[in-house]
Amino acid sequence: MSGSSSAADPRRSPTTAAAERGLRVAAALLALAHGGWIWWLSSQSFPGGGSPFWGFLSNSLHFFLFGGLALLLAEACRRAGGWSRDALLGVLVLTGTYGIVDEWHQSWTPGRQPDAFDVCVDLLGALAALSLWWGVRGPGRLRPAVVRFLSIGLCAAALNAARTWGPLR
C-alpha cells in the first residue's frame, strides 16, 4: 500500500490527486513570479521622496504584496484540502525571511533605504491573509475571519501612520 494521500483516502481518485498536485505546482510558480515582482518593485528608485501620504500608501502596499505572497505559498503547501499548523508557520517564516531579504536588497538600490518596520508590515500582511484564507472554511466562520483580517490590517495601517506622521518617523 502506497503512502500517498490518495491511497489513504478512498474517496480521492488518482485524477483528483493529480489535479491537486497541478494546482500546488501552479501556486508555487505564481509565488515565484510574485516574489520576482516584489523584487522588481524594490529595485525602483523614487527620486524626491514624494508626499507623506504617498509614503503611507507605498508602505501600506507591503501589507497586500506580502499577504498575496503568503496565500500563494500556502496554496503550494496545501495537502488533502487543508494545511497543517506547521505548514502555515513555515509560510509565515518564509514570507518574513523574504521580507528581510527584500529590505537588504533595498539597501543596495539607489534612493531606497531598508526599514525594519517594512518587515513588520510584511508579516502582518501575511498573517492577515492567512487568517482570512484559513478562517473562511465552514459555515459561520466568514465573519470572524473578516474581523481578524480587518483587525490585523488596522494594526498595519496604524504602524504605517505612526511611521509617516507620528513618533516613529
N, C-alpha and C. Protein backbone atom coordinates (compact mmCIF):
# COMPACT_ATOMS: atom_id res chain seq x y z
N MET A 1 0.84 -1.18 0.00
CA MET A 1 0.00 0.00 0.00
C MET A 1 0.88 1.24 0.00
N SER A 2 0.58 2.14 -0.83
CA SER A 2 1.36 3.36 -1.00
C SER A 2 1.10 4.32 0.14
N GLY A 3 2.06 5.19 0.41
CA GLY A 3 1.92 6.18 1.46
C GLY A 3 1.27 7.46 0.98
N SER A 4 0.79 7.49 -0.26
CA SER A 4 0.20 8.72 -0.78
C SER A 4 -1.16 8.97 -0.16
N SER A 5 -1.58 10.22 -0.20
CA SER A 5 -2.86 10.57 0.41
C SER A 5 -4.03 9.98 -0.37
N SER A 6 -3.87 9.73 -1.69
CA SER A 6 -4.98 9.14 -2.45
C SER A 6 -5.21 7.70 -2.03
N ALA A 7 -4.14 6.98 -1.62
CA ALA A 7 -4.31 5.61 -1.15
C ALA A 7 -4.93 5.60 0.25
N ALA A 8 -4.64 6.61 1.05
CA ALA A 8 -5.16 6.68 2.41
C ALA A 8 -6.62 7.09 2.43
N ASP A 9 -7.08 7.82 1.44
CA ASP A 9 -8.45 8.29 1.38
C ASP A 9 -9.11 7.71 0.14
N PRO A 10 -9.96 6.69 0.29
CA PRO A 10 -10.55 6.04 -0.88
C PRO A 10 -11.48 6.95 -1.66
N ARG A 11 -11.91 8.06 -1.10
CA ARG A 11 -12.80 8.99 -1.81
C ARG A 11 -12.05 9.81 -2.86
N ARG A 12 -10.73 9.89 -2.74
CA ARG A 12 -9.93 10.69 -3.68
C ARG A 12 -9.47 9.81 -4.81
N SER A 13 -9.81 10.20 -6.00
CA SER A 13 -9.38 9.44 -7.17
C SER A 13 -7.98 9.87 -7.57
N PRO A 14 -7.29 9.04 -8.35
CA PRO A 14 -5.97 9.46 -8.85
C PRO A 14 -6.04 10.74 -9.67
N THR A 15 -7.16 10.94 -10.36
CA THR A 15 -7.33 12.17 -11.15
C THR A 15 -7.40 13.39 -10.23
N THR A 16 -8.11 13.26 -9.12
CA THR A 16 -8.22 14.35 -8.15
C THR A 16 -6.85 14.66 -7.56
N ALA A 17 -6.11 13.63 -7.21
CA ALA A 17 -4.77 13.83 -6.63
C ALA A 17 -3.86 14.51 -7.64
N ALA A 18 -3.95 14.13 -8.91
CA ALA A 18 -3.12 14.76 -9.94
C ALA A 18 -3.51 16.22 -10.13
N ALA A 19 -4.79 16.51 -10.09
CA ALA A 19 -5.25 17.89 -10.23
C ALA A 19 -4.77 18.74 -9.06
N GLU A 20 -4.81 18.18 -7.85
CA GLU A 20 -4.33 18.91 -6.67
C GLU A 20 -2.83 19.18 -6.78
N ARG A 21 -2.08 18.20 -7.25
CA ARG A 21 -0.64 18.41 -7.45
C ARG A 21 -0.39 19.51 -8.46
N GLY A 22 -1.17 19.50 -9.55
CA GLY A 22 -1.04 20.54 -10.57
C GLY A 22 -1.32 21.93 -10.02
N LEU A 23 -2.34 22.04 -9.17
CA LEU A 23 -2.67 23.33 -8.55
C LEU A 23 -1.55 23.78 -7.61
N ARG A 24 -0.97 22.84 -6.88
CA ARG A 24 0.14 23.20 -5.97
C ARG A 24 1.34 23.70 -6.77
N VAL A 25 1.63 23.03 -7.89
CA VAL A 25 2.75 23.47 -8.74
C VAL A 25 2.46 24.85 -9.31
N ALA A 26 1.24 25.07 -9.79
CA ALA A 26 0.86 26.38 -10.33
C ALA A 26 0.99 27.46 -9.26
N ALA A 27 0.53 27.16 -8.05
CA ALA A 27 0.64 28.14 -6.95
C ALA A 27 2.10 28.44 -6.64
N ALA A 28 2.95 27.41 -6.66
CA ALA A 28 4.38 27.63 -6.39
C ALA A 28 5.02 28.50 -7.48
N LEU A 29 4.65 28.25 -8.74
CA LEU A 29 5.19 29.07 -9.83
C LEU A 29 4.69 30.51 -9.74
N LEU A 30 3.43 30.67 -9.39
CA LEU A 30 2.89 32.03 -9.21
C LEU A 30 3.56 32.73 -8.03
N ALA A 31 3.87 31.98 -6.97
CA ALA A 31 4.58 32.57 -5.82
C ALA A 31 5.96 33.05 -6.25
N LEU A 32 6.65 32.26 -7.06
CA LEU A 32 7.96 32.70 -7.57
C LEU A 32 7.83 33.95 -8.42
N ALA A 33 6.83 33.99 -9.29
CA ALA A 33 6.61 35.18 -10.12
C ALA A 33 6.25 36.39 -9.27
N HIS A 34 5.41 36.19 -8.27
CA HIS A 34 5.01 37.29 -7.39
C HIS A 34 6.23 37.80 -6.60
N GLY A 35 7.06 36.87 -6.12
CA GLY A 35 8.29 37.26 -5.43
C GLY A 35 9.21 38.06 -6.36
N GLY A 36 9.26 37.66 -7.63
CA GLY A 36 10.05 38.42 -8.60
C GLY A 36 9.50 39.82 -8.83
N TRP A 37 8.17 39.94 -8.82
CA TRP A 37 7.55 41.25 -8.98
C TRP A 37 7.88 42.14 -7.78
N ILE A 38 7.84 41.57 -6.58
CA ILE A 38 8.22 42.32 -5.38
C ILE A 38 9.67 42.77 -5.50
N TRP A 39 10.55 41.88 -5.95
CA TRP A 39 11.97 42.21 -6.13
C TRP A 39 12.12 43.36 -7.12
N TRP A 40 11.37 43.29 -8.23
CA TRP A 40 11.44 44.35 -9.24
C TRP A 40 10.97 45.67 -8.65
N LEU A 41 9.86 45.66 -7.91
CA LEU A 41 9.38 46.89 -7.28
C LEU A 41 10.42 47.46 -6.32
N SER A 42 11.12 46.60 -5.60
CA SER A 42 12.15 47.05 -4.66
C SER A 42 13.37 47.61 -5.38
N SER A 43 13.51 47.31 -6.66
CA SER A 43 14.65 47.79 -7.44
C SER A 43 14.42 49.19 -7.99
N GLN A 44 13.22 49.70 -7.85
CA GLN A 44 12.88 51.01 -8.41
C GLN A 44 13.32 52.12 -7.47
N SER A 45 13.88 53.17 -8.07
CA SER A 45 14.25 54.36 -7.31
C SER A 45 13.16 55.40 -7.49
N PHE A 46 12.88 56.11 -6.41
CA PHE A 46 11.86 57.15 -6.45
C PHE A 46 12.48 58.46 -5.99
N PRO A 47 13.01 59.25 -6.94
CA PRO A 47 13.66 60.50 -6.54
C PRO A 47 12.66 61.49 -5.95
N GLY A 48 13.13 62.25 -4.98
CA GLY A 48 12.31 63.30 -4.40
C GLY A 48 11.51 62.89 -3.19
N GLY A 49 11.32 61.61 -2.98
CA GLY A 49 10.65 61.15 -1.76
C GLY A 49 9.14 61.22 -1.81
N GLY A 50 8.53 62.19 -2.48
CA GLY A 50 7.08 62.28 -2.54
C GLY A 50 6.47 62.84 -1.27
N SER A 51 5.15 62.89 -1.25
CA SER A 51 4.42 63.43 -0.11
C SER A 51 4.31 62.39 1.00
N PRO A 52 4.04 62.85 2.22
CA PRO A 52 3.84 61.89 3.31
C PRO A 52 2.70 60.91 3.03
N PHE A 53 1.64 61.39 2.39
CA PHE A 53 0.52 60.50 2.09
C PHE A 53 0.96 59.39 1.13
N TRP A 54 1.77 59.75 0.12
CA TRP A 54 2.29 58.74 -0.81
C TRP A 54 3.19 57.75 -0.05
N GLY A 55 3.97 58.24 0.90
CA GLY A 55 4.79 57.35 1.71
C GLY A 55 3.94 56.36 2.50
N PHE A 56 2.84 56.86 3.07
CA PHE A 56 1.92 55.99 3.80
C PHE A 56 1.35 54.92 2.87
N LEU A 57 0.89 55.32 1.69
CA LEU A 57 0.31 54.36 0.75
C LEU A 57 1.32 53.33 0.27
N SER A 58 2.52 53.80 -0.06
CA SER A 58 3.53 52.86 -0.57
C SER A 58 3.98 51.89 0.52
N ASN A 59 4.08 52.36 1.76
CA ASN A 59 4.41 51.46 2.86
C ASN A 59 3.27 50.47 3.13
N SER A 60 2.04 50.92 2.95
CA SER A 60 0.89 50.05 3.16
C SER A 60 0.77 49.00 2.07
N LEU A 61 1.34 49.26 0.91
CA LEU A 61 1.33 48.29 -0.17
C LEU A 61 2.03 46.99 0.24
N HIS A 62 3.01 47.10 1.14
CA HIS A 62 3.70 45.91 1.64
C HIS A 62 2.70 44.90 2.22
N PHE A 63 1.70 45.41 2.92
CA PHE A 63 0.68 44.55 3.55
C PHE A 63 0.04 43.64 2.51
N PHE A 64 -0.35 44.20 1.38
CA PHE A 64 -1.05 43.43 0.35
C PHE A 64 -0.10 42.58 -0.48
N LEU A 65 1.09 43.11 -0.78
CA LEU A 65 2.05 42.33 -1.57
C LEU A 65 2.47 41.06 -0.84
N PHE A 66 2.80 41.20 0.43
CA PHE A 66 3.27 40.03 1.18
C PHE A 66 2.10 39.15 1.63
N GLY A 67 0.92 39.72 1.77
CA GLY A 67 -0.27 38.90 2.01
C GLY A 67 -0.54 38.00 0.81
N GLY A 68 -0.43 38.56 -0.38
CA GLY A 68 -0.61 37.76 -1.60
C GLY A 68 0.45 36.68 -1.73
N LEU A 69 1.68 37.02 -1.40
CA LEU A 69 2.76 36.03 -1.45
C LEU A 69 2.48 34.89 -0.48
N ALA A 70 2.03 35.22 0.72
CA ALA A 70 1.73 34.18 1.72
C ALA A 70 0.60 33.27 1.24
N LEU A 71 -0.42 33.83 0.60
CA LEU A 71 -1.52 32.99 0.09
C LEU A 71 -1.04 32.03 -0.98
N LEU A 72 -0.20 32.52 -1.89
CA LEU A 72 0.32 31.64 -2.94
C LEU A 72 1.19 30.54 -2.34
N LEU A 73 2.03 30.90 -1.38
CA LEU A 73 2.86 29.88 -0.73
C LEU A 73 1.99 28.87 0.03
N ALA A 74 0.94 29.36 0.68
CA ALA A 74 0.05 28.45 1.41
C ALA A 74 -0.64 27.47 0.46
N GLU A 75 -1.06 27.96 -0.68
CA GLU A 75 -1.70 27.07 -1.65
C GLU A 75 -0.70 26.05 -2.19
N ALA A 76 0.55 26.44 -2.30
CA ALA A 76 1.57 25.49 -2.73
C ALA A 76 1.80 24.41 -1.67
N CYS A 77 1.48 24.70 -0.42
CA CYS A 77 1.67 23.75 0.69
C CYS A 77 0.41 22.97 1.03
N ARG A 78 -0.69 23.26 0.37
CA ARG A 78 -1.97 22.60 0.70
C ARG A 78 -1.86 21.11 0.43
N ARG A 79 -2.35 20.33 1.38
CA ARG A 79 -2.37 18.87 1.24
C ARG A 79 -3.75 18.36 1.62
N ALA A 80 -4.31 17.53 0.77
CA ALA A 80 -5.61 16.91 1.04
C ALA A 80 -6.66 17.94 1.45
N GLY A 81 -6.67 19.07 0.78
CA GLY A 81 -7.67 20.09 1.03
C GLY A 81 -7.44 20.99 2.21
N GLY A 82 -6.29 20.92 2.86
CA GLY A 82 -6.05 21.77 4.02
C GLY A 82 -4.57 21.97 4.29
N TRP A 83 -4.29 22.58 5.43
CA TRP A 83 -2.92 22.89 5.82
C TRP A 83 -2.70 22.42 7.25
N SER A 84 -1.48 22.06 7.52
CA SER A 84 -1.12 21.78 8.90
C SER A 84 -0.66 23.10 9.54
N ARG A 85 -0.66 23.14 10.84
CA ARG A 85 -0.15 24.34 11.53
C ARG A 85 1.31 24.56 11.19
N ASP A 86 2.07 23.47 11.06
CA ASP A 86 3.49 23.59 10.70
C ASP A 86 3.65 24.21 9.32
N ALA A 87 2.78 23.83 8.39
CA ALA A 87 2.87 24.41 7.04
C ALA A 87 2.57 25.90 7.08
N LEU A 88 1.54 26.29 7.83
CA LEU A 88 1.21 27.72 7.92
C LEU A 88 2.32 28.50 8.63
N LEU A 89 2.89 27.92 9.67
CA LEU A 89 4.01 28.57 10.34
C LEU A 89 5.20 28.70 9.39
N GLY A 90 5.44 27.66 8.61
CA GLY A 90 6.51 27.70 7.62
C GLY A 90 6.29 28.79 6.58
N VAL A 91 5.03 28.97 6.17
CA VAL A 91 4.71 30.04 5.21
C VAL A 91 5.01 31.40 5.83
N LEU A 92 4.65 31.60 7.10
CA LEU A 92 4.94 32.87 7.78
C LEU A 92 6.45 33.10 7.88
N VAL A 93 7.19 32.06 8.22
CA VAL A 93 8.65 32.19 8.33
C VAL A 93 9.25 32.52 6.97
N LEU A 94 8.82 31.81 5.94
CA LEU A 94 9.35 32.05 4.59
C LEU A 94 9.00 33.46 4.10
N THR A 95 7.78 33.89 4.35
CA THR A 95 7.36 35.23 3.93
C THR A 95 8.16 36.29 4.69
N GLY A 96 8.33 36.11 5.99
CA GLY A 96 9.12 37.06 6.78
C GLY A 96 10.57 37.09 6.34
N THR A 97 11.12 35.93 6.04
CA THR A 97 12.51 35.86 5.57
C THR A 97 12.65 36.59 4.24
N TYR A 98 11.67 36.41 3.36
CA TYR A 98 11.73 37.12 2.08
C TYR A 98 11.61 38.63 2.30
N GLY A 99 10.81 39.04 3.29
CA GLY A 99 10.72 40.47 3.62
C GLY A 99 12.06 41.02 4.08
N ILE A 100 12.80 40.24 4.88
CA ILE A 100 14.13 40.67 5.33
C ILE A 100 15.08 40.76 4.14
N VAL A 101 15.06 39.76 3.27
CA VAL A 101 15.92 39.77 2.08
C VAL A 101 15.56 40.95 1.18
N ASP A 102 14.27 41.23 1.06
CA ASP A 102 13.81 42.37 0.25
C ASP A 102 14.35 43.68 0.81
N GLU A 103 14.33 43.84 2.12
CA GLU A 103 14.86 45.08 2.71
C GLU A 103 16.38 45.16 2.53
N TRP A 104 17.07 44.04 2.65
CA TRP A 104 18.52 44.02 2.39
C TRP A 104 18.77 44.44 0.93
N HIS A 105 17.96 43.92 0.01
CA HIS A 105 18.09 44.28 -1.41
C HIS A 105 17.90 45.78 -1.59
N GLN A 106 16.96 46.37 -0.87
CA GLN A 106 16.73 47.81 -0.99
C GLN A 106 17.93 48.62 -0.51
N SER A 107 18.73 48.05 0.37
CA SER A 107 19.91 48.79 0.85
C SER A 107 20.92 49.00 -0.27
N TRP A 108 20.83 48.22 -1.33
CA TRP A 108 21.73 48.35 -2.47
C TRP A 108 21.10 49.13 -3.62
N THR A 109 19.86 49.56 -3.46
CA THR A 109 19.15 50.28 -4.51
C THR A 109 19.28 51.78 -4.26
N PRO A 110 19.81 52.53 -5.24
CA PRO A 110 19.94 53.99 -5.06
C PRO A 110 18.59 54.63 -4.73
N GLY A 111 18.60 55.50 -3.73
CA GLY A 111 17.39 56.22 -3.34
C GLY A 111 16.47 55.43 -2.43
N ARG A 112 16.84 54.21 -2.06
CA ARG A 112 16.00 53.39 -1.18
C ARG A 112 16.76 53.09 0.10
N GLN A 113 16.02 52.85 1.16
CA GLN A 113 16.62 52.53 2.45
C GLN A 113 15.89 51.34 3.05
N PRO A 114 16.62 50.44 3.68
CA PRO A 114 15.94 49.34 4.36
C PRO A 114 15.23 49.86 5.62
N ASP A 115 14.15 49.20 5.98
CA ASP A 115 13.37 49.63 7.14
C ASP A 115 12.78 48.40 7.82
N ALA A 116 13.13 48.21 9.07
CA ALA A 116 12.64 47.05 9.82
C ALA A 116 11.12 47.08 9.97
N PHE A 117 10.53 48.27 9.98
CA PHE A 117 9.07 48.35 10.10
C PHE A 117 8.39 47.79 8.85
N ASP A 118 9.07 47.88 7.70
CA ASP A 118 8.50 47.27 6.49
C ASP A 118 8.37 45.76 6.68
N VAL A 119 9.34 45.14 7.31
CA VAL A 119 9.27 43.70 7.56
C VAL A 119 8.10 43.40 8.50
N CYS A 120 7.87 44.26 9.48
CA CYS A 120 6.72 44.07 10.38
C CYS A 120 5.42 44.13 9.59
N VAL A 121 5.30 45.08 8.69
CA VAL A 121 4.09 45.20 7.87
C VAL A 121 3.97 43.99 6.94
N ASP A 122 5.11 43.52 6.41
CA ASP A 122 5.09 42.31 5.57
C ASP A 122 4.50 41.14 6.34
N LEU A 123 4.97 40.96 7.56
CA LEU A 123 4.48 39.84 8.38
C LEU A 123 3.01 40.02 8.76
N LEU A 124 2.62 41.25 9.06
CA LEU A 124 1.21 41.49 9.36
C LEU A 124 0.33 41.18 8.16
N GLY A 125 0.79 41.53 6.96
CA GLY A 125 0.04 41.21 5.74
C GLY A 125 -0.08 39.71 5.54
N ALA A 126 1.02 38.99 5.77
CA ALA A 126 0.99 37.53 5.63
C ALA A 126 0.05 36.92 6.67
N LEU A 127 0.14 37.38 7.90
CA LEU A 127 -0.71 36.85 8.97
C LEU A 127 -2.18 37.14 8.69
N ALA A 128 -2.49 38.35 8.25
CA ALA A 128 -3.88 38.71 7.97
C ALA A 128 -4.44 37.87 6.82
N ALA A 129 -3.67 37.74 5.76
CA ALA A 129 -4.15 36.97 4.60
C ALA A 129 -4.36 35.50 4.97
N LEU A 130 -3.41 34.92 5.70
CA LEU A 130 -3.56 33.52 6.09
C LEU A 130 -4.72 33.32 7.05
N SER A 131 -4.92 34.26 7.98
CA SER A 131 -6.03 34.10 8.92
C SER A 131 -7.37 34.20 8.20
N LEU A 132 -7.44 35.04 7.18
CA LEU A 132 -8.67 35.13 6.40
C LEU A 132 -8.86 33.87 5.57
N TRP A 133 -7.82 33.47 4.86
CA TRP A 133 -7.90 32.31 3.95
C TRP A 133 -8.21 31.03 4.73
N TRP A 134 -7.54 30.83 5.83
CA TRP A 134 -7.75 29.64 6.64
C TRP A 134 -9.09 29.72 7.37
N GLY A 135 -9.46 30.91 7.77
CA GLY A 135 -10.63 31.09 8.62
C GLY A 135 -11.97 30.99 7.92
N VAL A 136 -12.02 31.08 6.61
CA VAL A 136 -13.32 31.08 5.93
C VAL A 136 -13.87 29.68 5.70
N ARG A 137 -13.17 28.65 6.15
CA ARG A 137 -13.65 27.28 5.98
C ARG A 137 -14.83 27.02 6.90
N GLY A 138 -15.91 26.55 6.34
CA GLY A 138 -17.05 26.13 7.13
C GLY A 138 -18.06 27.23 7.37
N PRO A 139 -19.30 26.83 7.63
CA PRO A 139 -20.35 27.81 7.86
C PRO A 139 -20.13 28.60 9.15
N GLY A 140 -20.46 29.86 9.11
CA GLY A 140 -20.35 30.71 10.28
C GLY A 140 -18.95 31.20 10.60
N ARG A 141 -18.00 30.92 9.73
CA ARG A 141 -16.61 31.30 10.02
C ARG A 141 -16.17 32.54 9.25
N LEU A 142 -16.94 32.98 8.27
CA LEU A 142 -16.54 34.11 7.45
C LEU A 142 -16.43 35.39 8.29
N ARG A 143 -17.44 35.66 9.08
CA ARG A 143 -17.44 36.90 9.86
C ARG A 143 -16.24 37.01 10.81
N PRO A 144 -15.95 35.98 11.63
CA PRO A 144 -14.76 36.09 12.49
C PRO A 144 -13.46 36.22 11.69
N ALA A 145 -13.39 35.55 10.53
CA ALA A 145 -12.18 35.63 9.71
C ALA A 145 -12.00 37.05 9.16
N VAL A 146 -13.09 37.66 8.73
CA VAL A 146 -13.01 39.03 8.21
C VAL A 146 -12.65 40.00 9.34
N VAL A 147 -13.21 39.79 10.52
CA VAL A 147 -12.88 40.65 11.67
C VAL A 147 -11.40 40.54 12.00
N ARG A 148 -10.85 39.31 12.00
CA ARG A 148 -9.41 39.13 12.25
C ARG A 148 -8.59 39.85 11.18
N PHE A 149 -8.96 39.67 9.91
CA PHE A 149 -8.24 40.31 8.82
C PHE A 149 -8.24 41.83 8.98
N LEU A 150 -9.42 42.39 9.24
CA LEU A 150 -9.52 43.84 9.39
C LEU A 150 -8.77 44.35 10.62
N SER A 151 -8.81 43.59 11.69
CA SER A 151 -8.08 43.99 12.91
C SER A 151 -6.58 44.04 12.66
N ILE A 152 -6.07 43.01 12.01
CA ILE A 152 -4.63 42.99 11.70
C ILE A 152 -4.30 44.10 10.71
N GLY A 153 -5.19 44.31 9.73
CA GLY A 153 -4.97 45.39 8.75
C GLY A 153 -4.95 46.77 9.40
N LEU A 154 -5.82 46.98 10.39
CA LEU A 154 -5.82 48.26 11.11
C LEU A 154 -4.53 48.44 11.91
N CYS A 155 -4.01 47.37 12.46
CA CYS A 155 -2.72 47.44 13.17
C CYS A 155 -1.61 47.86 12.19
N ALA A 156 -1.61 47.27 11.00
CA ALA A 156 -0.60 47.63 10.00
C ALA A 156 -0.77 49.08 9.57
N ALA A 157 -2.01 49.53 9.38
CA ALA A 157 -2.26 50.92 9.00
C ALA A 157 -1.82 51.88 10.10
N ALA A 158 -2.09 51.51 11.37
CA ALA A 158 -1.66 52.36 12.49
C ALA A 158 -0.14 52.44 12.56
N LEU A 159 0.54 51.32 12.33
CA LEU A 159 2.00 51.33 12.31
C LEU A 159 2.52 52.22 11.20
N ASN A 160 1.93 52.11 10.01
CA ASN A 160 2.37 52.96 8.91
C ASN A 160 2.05 54.43 9.16
N ALA A 161 0.93 54.72 9.79
CA ALA A 161 0.60 56.11 10.13
C ALA A 161 1.61 56.66 11.14
N ALA A 162 1.96 55.86 12.13
CA ALA A 162 2.95 56.31 13.13
C ALA A 162 4.32 56.53 12.48
N ARG A 163 4.62 55.73 11.47
CA ARG A 163 5.89 55.90 10.75
C ARG A 163 5.88 57.15 9.88
N THR A 164 4.71 57.48 9.37
CA THR A 164 4.61 58.60 8.43
C THR A 164 4.43 59.93 9.14
N TRP A 165 3.52 59.98 10.12
CA TRP A 165 3.17 61.24 10.73
C TRP A 165 3.46 61.30 12.22
N GLY A 166 3.78 60.19 12.83
CA GLY A 166 3.88 60.15 14.28
C GLY A 166 5.27 59.95 14.83
N PRO A 167 5.34 59.32 15.98
CA PRO A 167 6.60 59.22 16.72
C PRO A 167 7.64 58.29 16.11
N LEU A 168 7.27 57.48 15.14
CA LEU A 168 8.23 56.54 14.55
C LEU A 168 8.93 57.09 13.30
N ARG A 169 8.78 58.38 13.04
CA ARG A 169 9.41 58.98 11.84
C ARG A 169 10.90 58.94 11.93
